[in-house]
Amino acid sequence: MGYLVYKIFASSILDSIHEIKMIKLELIVFTLLLMILNWGLETKKWQVLLQNVQELSFINAFKSVLAGLSSGLLTPNRIGNFIGRLAYVNKENHNQATVNTLVGNLAQFISTILMGVIGFSFLLLLKFDVQNYIWICVLSIFFSSLACYVYFKPSVINFMPLNKLFGDQTKLSIQEINDSSTNLKVKVLGLSVVRYIVFCIQYFLLFKAFGLEISTIVLFSLITTVFLLTTLIPSLLFGKLFVRESVAVFVFSLVSIDLSLILLVAFLLWIINLAIPALIGSVFWLKQSRYA
């Protein structure tokens, strides 16, 4: 937040933000529609995760996901998203549903790492003319392979002395995730990658809506780099509000994009993808908890 405030005042954004004019309203509307697709994919992923636990209709699964988003915004790194989701799951299935939520979260994390590493590599090659491109490709393949291996076999991190950092419940969760079927993990990872692509497109469309002229490949590389760094940086509350904006300012400033445009797009994306769905989800969560 300190970095963000410093950049705002250092660039006189308060004087220039009023000069930004919306150019293509239809792109804003399309971004809003993609929000429905975004959370629809997450709903389908939640149904897949629960298929061997409890049958849940798409509508109830959708309510469950938005309720989880609402509870997740109130916890560090959104780790509490299972709290709202469990409001729609029978109590006897809570333990297994919690583990499956962790599988879903891990799949989304892995997809962000995979796409982020690829995007960051393209950014170095295309924008900064890095000479050692072979080493960049090798490192990208290495980290991508490592991320996939940890996803499918998370027990690999449960070794001495690293496992001394884990409590007994964490070790048990790691083992339960490790024992989840490979077919389930493949389906969930596939849905996570598609969902990741959707919110990258949303970011792209918002920039284009305000008339940004930049290479499509470079812009997507910047976007995936922002998501990569945002995921790796820990945060406290509200879905990494201020963290994502600060990272966006840092990354997009590398190609001299106007600061006011960076902040406007970042906050709009937060409102569209998190604030609005979380507000709706809070209603579902409170209503369901009342009758639970």
Protein backbone atom coordinates (compact mmCIF):
# COMPACT_ATOMS: atom_id res chain seq x y z
CA MET A 1 0.00 0.00 0.00
CA GLY A 2 2.90 2.31 0.80
CA TYR A 3 4.47 1.65 -2.59
CA LEU A 4 1.15 2.28 -4.32
CA VAL A 5 0.56 5.60 -2.52
CA TYR A 6 4.12 6.71 -3.33
CA LYS A 7 3.67 5.96 -7.05
CA ILE A 8 0.31 7.75 -7.14
CA PHE A 9 1.67 11.00 -5.77
CA ALA A 10 5.01 10.76 -7.55
CA SER A 11 3.29 10.62 -10.95
CA SER A 12 0.60 13.27 -10.30
CA ILE A 13 -2.06 10.69 -11.08
CA LEU A 14 -4.65 12.73 -9.21
CA ASP A 15 -4.33 15.40 -11.88
CA SER A 16 -4.33 13.09 -14.89
CA ILE A 17 -6.88 10.39 -14.09
CA HIS A 18 -9.82 12.55 -15.22
CA GLU A 19 -8.31 12.65 -18.72
CA ILE A 20 -8.93 8.93 -19.26
CA LYS A 21 -11.99 8.46 -21.43
CA MET A 22 -13.78 5.20 -22.02
CA ILE A 23 -13.47 4.36 -25.70
CA LYS A 24 -15.20 1.00 -26.15
CA LEU A 25 -18.08 0.39 -23.75
CA GLU A 26 -18.89 -2.94 -25.39
CA LEU A 27 -15.55 -4.34 -24.18
CA ILE A 28 -16.44 -3.39 -20.60
CA VAL A 29 -19.78 -5.17 -20.97
CA PHE A 30 -18.09 -8.23 -22.48
CA THR A 31 -15.65 -8.30 -19.55
CA LEU A 32 -18.63 -8.33 -17.18
CA LEU A 33 -20.15 -11.23 -19.09
CA LEU A 34 -16.86 -13.12 -18.87
CA MET A 35 -17.12 -12.78 -15.09
CA ILE A 36 -20.11 -15.13 -15.26
CA LEU A 37 -18.07 -17.59 -17.35
CA ASN A 38 -15.16 -17.23 -14.93
CA TRP A 39 -17.20 -18.26 -11.89
CA GLY A 40 -19.19 -20.75 -13.95
CA LEU A 41 -15.95 -22.61 -14.66
CA GLU A 42 -15.07 -22.49 -10.97
CA THR A 43 -18.52 -23.89 -10.21
CA LYS A 44 -17.99 -26.76 -12.64
CA LYS A 45 -14.62 -27.42 -11.03
CA TRP A 46 -16.29 -27.53 -7.61
CA GLN A 47 -18.84 -30.03 -8.91
CA VAL A 48 -16.02 -32.22 -10.25
CA LEU A 49 -14.27 -32.06 -6.88
CA LEU A 50 -17.46 -33.11 -5.09
CA GLN A 51 -18.53 -35.81 -7.53
CA ASN A 52 -17.43 -38.63 -5.22
CA VAL A 53 -18.43 -36.81 -2.04
CA GLN A 54 -21.88 -35.29 -2.48
CA GLU A 55 -24.11 -34.51 -5.44
CA LEU A 56 -24.66 -30.77 -5.76
CA SER A 57 -26.76 -29.06 -8.43
CA PHE A 58 -25.08 -26.41 -10.56
CA ILE A 59 -27.15 -23.64 -8.92
CA ASN A 60 -26.25 -24.74 -5.40
CA ALA A 61 -22.64 -25.28 -6.42
CA PHE A 62 -22.61 -21.76 -7.87
CA LYS A 63 -24.00 -20.34 -4.63
CA SER A 64 -21.45 -22.37 -2.69
CA VAL A 65 -18.55 -21.01 -4.78
CA LEU A 66 -19.64 -17.38 -4.35
CA ALA A 67 -20.19 -17.92 -0.62
CA GLY A 68 -16.65 -19.31 -0.49
CA LEU A 69 -15.35 -16.27 -2.33
CA SER A 70 -16.99 -14.05 0.26
CA SER A 71 -15.42 -15.91 3.20
CA GLY A 72 -12.10 -16.16 1.39
CA LEU A 73 -11.79 -12.39 1.06
CA LEU A 74 -11.75 -12.16 4.85
CA THR A 75 -8.78 -14.52 5.30
CA PRO A 76 -5.07 -14.32 4.37
CA ASN A 77 -4.38 -15.40 0.78
CA ARG A 78 -8.07 -16.40 0.51
CA ILE A 79 -7.35 -19.69 2.29
CA GLY A 80 -10.74 -19.49 4.04
CA ASN A 81 -12.76 -19.95 0.86
CA PHE A 82 -13.76 -23.43 2.06
CA ILE A 83 -15.69 -21.89 4.98
CA GLY A 84 -18.43 -20.42 2.81
CA ARG A 85 -18.43 -23.40 0.48
CA LEU A 86 -19.06 -25.85 3.30
CA ALA A 87 -22.33 -24.09 4.10
CA TYR A 88 -23.80 -26.01 1.16
CA VAL A 89 -22.16 -29.34 2.02
CA ASN A 90 -23.55 -31.89 4.46
CA LYS A 91 -21.67 -31.86 7.78
CA GLU A 92 -20.58 -35.48 7.46
CA ASN A 93 -18.79 -34.57 4.21
CA HIS A 94 -16.99 -31.47 5.50
CA ASN A 95 -13.58 -33.08 5.97
CA GLN A 96 -13.42 -34.56 2.47
CA ALA A 97 -14.87 -31.39 0.92
CA THR A 98 -12.19 -29.32 2.67
CA VAL A 99 -9.44 -31.52 1.24
CA ASN A 100 -10.99 -31.30 -2.21
CA THR A 101 -11.11 -27.52 -1.87
CA LEU A 102 -7.37 -27.61 -1.28
CA VAL A 103 -6.96 -29.67 -4.47
CA GLY A 104 -8.90 -27.01 -6.39
CA ASN A 105 -6.89 -24.17 -4.86
CA LEU A 106 -3.65 -25.98 -5.65
CA ALA A 107 -4.75 -26.53 -9.26
CA GLN A 108 -5.47 -22.81 -9.70
CA PHE A 109 -2.12 -21.98 -8.10
CA ILE A 110 -0.28 -24.39 -10.40
CA SER A 111 -2.01 -23.03 -13.51
CA THR A 112 -0.97 -19.51 -12.50
CA ILE A 113 2.63 -20.64 -12.03
CA LEU A 114 2.69 -22.51 -15.35
CA MET A 115 1.22 -19.69 -17.42
CA GLY A 116 3.12 -17.05 -15.46
CA VAL A 117 6.49 -18.69 -16.08
CA ILE A 118 5.72 -18.95 -19.79
CA GLY A 119 4.54 -15.33 -19.96
CA PHE A 120 7.53 -14.04 -18.00
CA SER A 121 9.87 -15.92 -20.34
CA PHE A 122 8.21 -14.36 -23.39
CA LEU A 123 8.44 -10.95 -21.74
CA LEU A 124 12.19 -11.30 -21.25
CA LEU A 125 12.68 -12.50 -24.82
CA LEU A 126 10.38 -10.04 -26.59
CA LYS A 127 10.77 -6.84 -24.62
CA PHE A 128 14.16 -6.95 -23.01
CA ASP A 129 16.11 -8.79 -25.71
CA VAL A 130 17.74 -11.21 -23.30
CA GLN A 131 20.53 -13.07 -25.07
CA ASN A 132 20.58 -16.31 -23.07
CA TYR A 133 17.17 -17.42 -24.35
CA ILE A 134 18.14 -21.10 -24.23
CA TRP A 135 18.68 -20.91 -20.49
CA ILE A 136 15.38 -19.09 -20.08
CA CYS A 137 13.59 -21.90 -21.94
CA VAL A 138 15.37 -24.53 -19.86
CA LEU A 139 14.49 -22.81 -16.59
CA SER A 140 10.88 -22.33 -17.73
CA ILE A 141 10.54 -26.01 -18.54
CA PHE A 142 12.18 -26.96 -15.25
CA PHE A 143 9.93 -24.83 -13.03
CA SER A 144 6.81 -25.80 -15.01
CA SER A 145 7.66 -29.49 -14.68
CA LEU A 146 8.41 -29.08 -10.98
CA ALA A 147 5.07 -27.34 -10.40
CA CYS A 148 3.18 -30.12 -12.19
CA TYR A 149 5.03 -32.81 -10.28
CA VAL A 150 4.23 -31.18 -6.92
CA TYR A 151 0.58 -30.91 -7.97
CA PHE A 152 0.25 -34.59 -8.84
CA LYS A 153 2.58 -35.83 -6.08
CA PRO A 154 2.46 -33.24 -3.25
CA SER A 155 3.90 -35.78 -0.81
CA VAL A 156 7.28 -34.93 -2.34
CA ILE A 157 7.40 -31.82 -0.13
CA ASN A 158 6.64 -33.86 2.99
CA PHE A 159 10.24 -34.71 3.79
CA MET A 160 12.77 -33.92 6.51
CA PRO A 161 13.55 -31.23 7.55
CA LEU A 162 10.89 -29.34 5.54
CA ASN A 163 8.03 -31.27 7.11
CA LYS A 164 9.00 -29.89 10.53
CA LEU A 165 7.31 -26.69 9.32
CA PHE A 166 4.02 -28.57 8.93
CA GLY A 167 1.55 -29.48 11.65
CA ASP A 168 0.01 -32.94 11.84
CA GLN A 169 -3.17 -31.76 10.13
CA THR A 170 -1.15 -30.22 7.27
CA LYS A 171 0.79 -33.45 6.79
CA LEU A 172 -2.46 -35.40 6.73
CA SER A 173 -3.96 -33.00 4.16
CA ILE A 174 -0.86 -33.32 1.95
CA GLN A 175 -1.18 -37.09 2.02
CA GLU A 176 -4.91 -36.99 1.27
CA ILE A 177 -4.31 -34.67 -1.70
CA ASN A 178 -1.54 -37.00 -2.83
CA ASP A 179 -3.98 -39.93 -2.74
CA SER A 180 -6.63 -38.15 -4.83
CA SER A 181 -7.16 -39.76 -8.23
CA THR A 182 -5.00 -38.61 -11.15
CA ASN A 183 -8.07 -38.37 -13.37
CA LEU A 184 -9.68 -35.93 -10.94
CA LYS A 185 -6.54 -33.80 -10.79
CA VAL A 186 -6.26 -33.67 -14.59
CA LYS A 187 -9.88 -32.50 -14.96
CA VAL A 188 -9.51 -29.88 -12.23
CA LEU A 189 -6.20 -28.61 -13.63
CA GLY A 190 -7.72 -28.33 -17.10
CA LEU A 191 -10.65 -26.27 -15.82
CA SER A 192 -8.22 -24.12 -13.82
CA VAL A 193 -6.14 -23.36 -16.91
CA VAL A 194 -9.24 -22.42 -18.93
CA ARG A 195 -10.43 -20.18 -16.09
CA TYR A 196 -7.00 -18.58 -15.90
CA ILE A 197 -7.16 -17.80 -19.62
CA VAL A 198 -10.58 -16.20 -19.11
CA PHE A 199 -9.41 -13.67 -16.53
CA CYS A 200 -6.29 -12.93 -18.61
CA ILE A 201 -8.64 -12.08 -21.48
CA GLN A 202 -10.66 -9.87 -19.11
CA TYR A 203 -7.50 -7.95 -18.15
CA PHE A 204 -6.60 -7.62 -21.84
CA LEU A 205 -10.08 -6.38 -22.82
CA LEU A 206 -10.13 -3.70 -20.11
CA PHE A 207 -6.82 -2.28 -21.35
CA LYS A 208 -8.13 -2.29 -24.91
CA ALA A 209 -11.38 -0.68 -23.80
CA PHE A 210 -9.39 2.37 -22.74
CA GLY A 211 -7.45 2.52 -25.97
CA LEU A 212 -4.09 1.01 -25.02
CA GLU A 213 -1.94 0.42 -28.10
CA ILE A 214 0.59 -2.32 -27.44
CA SER A 215 1.56 -5.67 -28.92
CA THR A 216 -0.91 -8.41 -27.94
CA ILE A 217 1.87 -10.87 -27.08
CA VAL A 218 3.69 -8.32 -24.92
CA LEU A 219 0.46 -7.34 -23.13
CA PHE A 220 -0.46 -10.96 -22.37
CA SER A 221 3.11 -11.57 -21.17
CA LEU A 222 2.80 -8.59 -18.82
CA ILE A 223 -0.60 -9.78 -17.56
CA THR A 224 0.61 -13.32 -16.80
CA THR A 225 3.67 -11.87 -15.05
CA VAL A 226 1.40 -9.71 -12.86
CA PHE A 227 -0.69 -12.75 -11.89
CA LEU A 228 2.47 -14.76 -11.21
CA LEU A 229 3.97 -12.17 -8.85
CA THR A 230 0.61 -11.47 -7.20
CA THR A 231 0.17 -15.18 -6.45
CA LEU A 232 3.65 -15.50 -4.95
CA ILE A 233 3.31 -12.43 -2.72
CA PRO A 234 1.38 -13.14 0.51
CA SER A 235 -1.47 -10.84 1.53
CA LEU A 236 -3.93 -10.41 4.38
CA LEU A 237 -7.46 -9.48 3.34
CA PHE A 238 -9.84 -8.60 0.49
CA GLY A 239 -8.48 -10.81 -2.26
CA LYS A 240 -5.03 -9.19 -2.42
CA LEU A 241 -6.46 -5.71 -2.84
CA PHE A 242 -3.51 -3.27 -3.15
CA VAL A 243 -1.08 -6.15 -3.68
CA ARG A 244 -2.26 -6.79 -7.25
CA GLU A 245 -2.47 -3.06 -7.94
CA SER A 246 1.07 -2.49 -6.65
CA VAL A 247 2.43 -5.39 -8.70
CA ALA A 248 0.54 -4.10 -11.77
CA VAL A 249 2.10 -0.66 -11.34
CA PHE A 250 5.56 -2.20 -11.07
CA VAL A 251 5.21 -4.55 -14.06
CA PHE A 252 3.26 -2.40 -16.51
CA SER A 253 5.47 0.60 -15.78
CA LEU A 254 8.31 -1.38 -17.38
CA VAL A 255 6.74 -0.61 -20.78
CA SER A 256 5.70 2.95 -19.88
CA ILE A 257 1.95 2.39 -19.63
CA ASP A 258 0.24 5.38 -17.99
CA LEU A 259 -0.09 4.87 -14.24
CA SER A 260 -3.67 6.12 -14.09
CA LEU A 261 -4.67 3.55 -16.72
CA ILE A 262 -2.88 0.74 -14.85
CA LEU A 263 -4.69 1.52 -11.59
CA LEU A 264 -8.06 2.06 -13.23
CA VAL A 265 -7.92 -1.30 -15.03
CA ALA A 266 -6.59 -3.15 -11.96
CA PHE A 267 -9.33 -1.79 -9.67
CA LEU A 268 -12.03 -2.42 -12.28
CA LEU A 269 -10.90 -6.02 -12.62
CA TRP A 270 -10.97 -6.42 -8.83
CA ILE A 271 -14.50 -5.00 -8.67
CA ILE A 272 -15.77 -7.15 -11.56
CA ASN A 273 -14.15 -10.47 -10.62
CA LEU A 274 -14.09 -10.27 -6.82
CA ALA A 275 -16.06 -7.45 -5.20
CA ILE A 276 -19.37 -7.92 -7.06
CA PRO A 277 -19.39 -11.76 -6.86
CA ALA A 278 -18.31 -11.63 -3.19
CA LEU A 279 -21.13 -9.23 -2.35
CA ILE A 280 -23.62 -11.61 -3.96
CA GLY A 281 -21.91 -14.58 -2.28
CA SER A 282 -22.21 -12.97 1.16
CA VAL A 283 -25.99 -12.99 0.76
CA PHE A 284 -25.95 -16.70 -0.14
CA TRP A 285 -23.57 -17.47 2.73
CA LEU A 286 -25.57 -15.65 5.40
CA LYS A 287 -28.88 -17.03 4.15
CA GLN A 288 -27.59 -20.61 4.05
CA SER A 289 -25.92 -20.30 7.48
CA ARG A 290 -29.20 -19.10 8.98
CA TYR A 291 -30.97 -22.30 7.95
CA ALA A 292 -28.02 -24.67 8.41
